[in-house]
Structure formats: C-alpha cells, structure tokens
Amino acid sequence: MAATDRAKDHYRIMYDEEVYVSDMDGEKVMMSINTGKYYNLGFTGGRIWELAESTPSLGEIVAALTEEYEVDEEQCRQQVHAFVAELEREGLLKLQRETL
C-alpha cells in the first residue's frame, strides 16, 4: 500500500453545524439534519471525533491514536485519512488547512 500523503496531516476537521452527535453504549452516533441519515462511528471513529473536537490537526490525531493503541503510525494515518475522507464525502465535516 502506498504511503499516505502527509500533507493532509496539516488539516483540521471542521464540523457541519447540521450534524448532531451523541454517545450510545460507548460509541458515537450522529445524525445529519440535512440528509436525515444516521451514522454509527463505532468506538475508534468516536475517538477520532472526540480528538477533533479540540481542533488538533489530522497529524495530531494520528499521534494521539498511536500513543493510545498499539498500531503502526502509517497504518493509523491511512485509516484516519480514509475515515475522515468518507465523512467528508457524506457532507458531515470539512477539512481546513492549518494556517501558519
């Protein structure tokens, strides 16, 4: 598998105001007011969502997850980027490049 583009590590997650998130049995679930769709983020997806609430970059999220879990950094980066890209495609969030 090709190395993930590290440039995306310098992006932050911006939440859509029309998305509501709640805890349900230890997992994050969300509903898009715009589409009426429900999503279950699962435990790890919920953790990514929690970390993003304090507005760390994707790189900081990857670093935090590799500290918390026994996972290879590149594998974690690929999975975080894929997860965030899927939520972006669904219109649940936007990515914003960090300003220096």
C-alpha atoms as a PDB file:
ATOM      1  CA  MET A   1       0.000   0.000   0.000  1.00  0.00           C
ATOM      2  CA  ALA A   2       1.381   3.431  -0.895  1.00  0.00           C
ATOM      3  CA  ALA A   3       2.391   5.850   1.795  1.00  0.00           C
ATOM      4  CA  THR A   4      -0.357   8.260   2.741  1.00  0.00           C
ATOM      5  CA  ASP A   5       0.048  11.886   1.736  1.00  0.00           C
ATOM      6  CA  ARG A   6       1.453  13.517   4.870  1.00  0.00           C
ATOM      7  CA  ALA A   7       0.331  16.958   3.664  1.00  0.00           C
ATOM      8  CA  LYS A   8      -3.146  16.059   4.916  1.00  0.00           C
ATOM      9  CA  ASP A   9      -1.657  15.829   8.419  1.00  0.00           C
ATOM     10  CA  HIS A  10      -1.808  19.643   8.429  1.00  0.00           C
ATOM     11  CA  TYR A  11      -5.577  19.804   8.008  1.00  0.00           C
ATOM     12  CA  ARG A  12      -8.137  20.267  10.758  1.00  0.00           C
ATOM     13  CA  ILE A  13     -11.657  18.905  10.907  1.00  0.00           C
ATOM     14  CA  MET A  14     -14.421  21.488  10.726  1.00  0.00           C
ATOM     15  CA  TYR A  15     -17.800  20.171  11.824  1.00  0.00           C
ATOM     16  CA  ASP A  16     -21.039  20.778   9.980  1.00  0.00           C
ATOM     17  CA  GLU A  17     -23.441  22.595  12.311  1.00  0.00           C
ATOM     18  CA  GLU A  18     -26.295  20.493  10.939  1.00  0.00           C
ATOM     19  CA  VAL A  19     -24.833  17.279  12.358  1.00  0.00           C
ATOM     20  CA  TYR A  20     -25.773  16.100  15.828  1.00  0.00           C
ATOM     21  CA  VAL A  21     -23.551  13.662  17.711  1.00  0.00           C
ATOM     22  CA  SER A  22     -24.419  11.596  20.769  1.00  0.00           C
ATOM     23  CA  ASP A  23     -22.981   8.753  22.825  1.00  0.00           C
ATOM     24  CA  MET A  24     -24.825   5.454  22.651  1.00  0.00           C
ATOM     25  CA  ASP A  25     -23.500   2.423  24.506  1.00  0.00           C
ATOM     26  CA  GLY A  26     -19.938   3.776  24.418  1.00  0.00           C
ATOM     27  CA  GLU A  27     -19.979   4.585  20.708  1.00  0.00           C
ATOM     28  CA  LYS A  28     -20.608   7.845  18.891  1.00  0.00           C
ATOM     29  CA  VAL A  29     -23.667   8.069  16.695  1.00  0.00           C
ATOM     30  CA  MET A  30     -24.554  11.014  14.547  1.00  0.00           C
ATOM     31  CA  MET A  31     -27.438  12.316  12.532  1.00  0.00           C
ATOM     32  CA  SER A  32     -27.288  14.696   9.612  1.00  0.00           C
ATOM     33  CA  ILE A  33     -30.180  17.137   9.709  1.00  0.00           C
ATOM     34  CA  ASN A  34     -29.595  17.879   6.009  1.00  0.00           C
ATOM     35  CA  THR A  35     -29.988  14.275   4.844  1.00  0.00           C
ATOM     36  CA  GLY A  36     -31.841  12.632   7.735  1.00  0.00           C
ATOM     37  CA  LYS A  37     -29.234   9.850   7.761  1.00  0.00           C
ATOM     38  CA  TYR A  38     -27.885   8.239  10.927  1.00  0.00           C
ATOM     39  CA  TYR A  39     -24.286   7.088  11.265  1.00  0.00           C
ATOM     40  CA  ASN A  40     -22.574   4.902  13.851  1.00  0.00           C
ATOM     41  CA  LEU A  41     -18.942   5.942  14.138  1.00  0.00           C
ATOM     42  CA  GLY A  42     -18.014   2.980  16.317  1.00  0.00           C
ATOM     43  CA  PHE A  43     -15.538   3.199  19.161  1.00  0.00           C
ATOM     44  CA  THR A  44     -12.429   4.229  17.215  1.00  0.00           C
ATOM     45  CA  GLY A  45     -14.317   6.586  14.914  1.00  0.00           C
ATOM     46  CA  GLY A  46     -15.855   8.126  18.010  1.00  0.00           C
ATOM     47  CA  ARG A  47     -12.400   8.604  19.489  1.00  0.00           C
ATOM     48  CA  ILE A  48     -11.260  10.380  16.321  1.00  0.00           C
ATOM     49  CA  TRP A  49     -14.330  12.625  16.605  1.00  0.00           C
ATOM     50  CA  GLU A  50     -13.536  13.385  20.270  1.00  0.00           C
ATOM     51  CA  LEU A  51      -9.920  14.237  19.484  1.00  0.00           C
ATOM     52  CA  ALA A  52     -11.007  16.513  16.635  1.00  0.00           C
ATOM     53  CA  GLU A  53     -13.313  18.450  18.971  1.00  0.00           C
ATOM     54  CA  SER A  54     -10.254  20.103  20.486  1.00  0.00           C
ATOM     55  CA  THR A  55      -9.247  21.037  16.911  1.00  0.00           C
ATOM     56  CA  PRO A  56      -5.998  19.131  16.574  1.00  0.00           C
ATOM     57  CA  SER A  57      -4.703  18.508  13.103  1.00  0.00           C
ATOM     58  CA  LEU A  58      -5.065  15.110  11.468  1.00  0.00           C
ATOM     59  CA  GLY A  59      -1.377  14.566  12.262  1.00  0.00           C
ATOM     60  CA  GLU A  60      -2.040  15.239  15.957  1.00  0.00           C
ATOM     61  CA  ILE A  61      -4.974  12.827  15.881  1.00  0.00           C
ATOM     62  CA  VAL A  62      -2.726  10.136  14.370  1.00  0.00           C
ATOM     63  CA  ALA A  63      -0.073  10.802  17.031  1.00  0.00           C
ATOM     64  CA  ALA A  64      -2.643  10.541  19.840  1.00  0.00           C
ATOM     65  CA  LEU A  65      -4.092   7.293  18.487  1.00  0.00           C
ATOM     66  CA  THR A  66      -0.665   5.679  18.064  1.00  0.00           C
ATOM     67  CA  GLU A  67       0.028   6.576  21.714  1.00  0.00           C
ATOM     68  CA  GLU A  68      -3.280   5.079  22.880  1.00  0.00           C
ATOM     69  CA  TYR A  69      -3.316   1.945  20.724  1.00  0.00           C
ATOM     70  CA  GLU A  70      -0.704  -0.495  19.520  1.00  0.00           C
ATOM     71  CA  VAL A  71      -0.875   0.435  15.863  1.00  0.00           C
ATOM     72  CA  ASP A  72       1.706   1.260  13.221  1.00  0.00           C
ATOM     73  CA  GLU A  73       1.828   5.007  12.568  1.00  0.00           C
ATOM     74  CA  GLU A  74       1.496   4.731   8.777  1.00  0.00           C
ATOM     75  CA  GLN A  75      -1.381   2.250   9.052  1.00  0.00           C
ATOM     76  CA  CYS A  76      -3.097   4.558  11.541  1.00  0.00           C
ATOM     77  CA  ARG A  77      -2.556   7.562   9.238  1.00  0.00           C
ATOM     78  CA  GLN A  78      -4.076   5.703   6.287  1.00  0.00           C
ATOM     79  CA  GLN A  79      -7.114   4.667   8.308  1.00  0.00           C
ATOM     80  CA  VAL A  80      -7.669   8.109   9.846  1.00  0.00           C
ATOM     81  CA  HIS A  81      -7.385   9.798   6.444  1.00  0.00           C
ATOM     82  CA  ALA A  82      -9.783   7.262   4.885  1.00  0.00           C
ATOM     83  CA  PHE A  83     -12.292   7.636   7.740  1.00  0.00           C
ATOM     84  CA  VAL A  84     -12.228  11.432   7.537  1.00  0.00           C
ATOM     85  CA  ALA A  85     -12.472  11.360   3.727  1.00  0.00           C
ATOM     86  CA  GLU A  86     -15.596   9.191   3.961  1.00  0.00           C
ATOM     87  CA  LEU A  87     -17.239  11.576   6.441  1.00  0.00           C
ATOM     88  CA  GLU A  88     -16.299  14.484   4.184  1.00  0.00           C
ATOM     89  CA  ARG A  89     -17.902  12.725   1.173  1.00  0.00           C
ATOM     90  CA  GLU A  90     -21.064  12.278   3.244  1.00  0.00           C
ATOM     91  CA  GLY A  91     -21.081  16.016   3.997  1.00  0.00           C
ATOM     92  CA  LEU A  92     -20.588  15.540   7.736  1.00  0.00           C
ATOM     93  CA  LEU A  93     -17.427  17.624   8.002  1.00  0.00           C
ATOM     94  CA  LYS A  94     -14.969  19.705   6.039  1.00  0.00           C
ATOM     95  CA  LEU A  95     -11.203  19.772   6.127  1.00  0.00           C
ATOM     96  CA  GLN A  96      -9.426  23.080   6.532  1.00  0.00           C
ATOM     97  CA  ARG A  97      -5.701  23.555   6.025  1.00  0.00           C
ATOM     98  CA  GLU A  98      -3.918  24.905   9.087  1.00  0.00           C
ATOM     99  CA  THR A  99      -2.668  28.454   8.748  1.00  0.00           C
ATOM    100  CA  LEU A 100       0.900  29.135   9.756  1.00  0.00           C
END
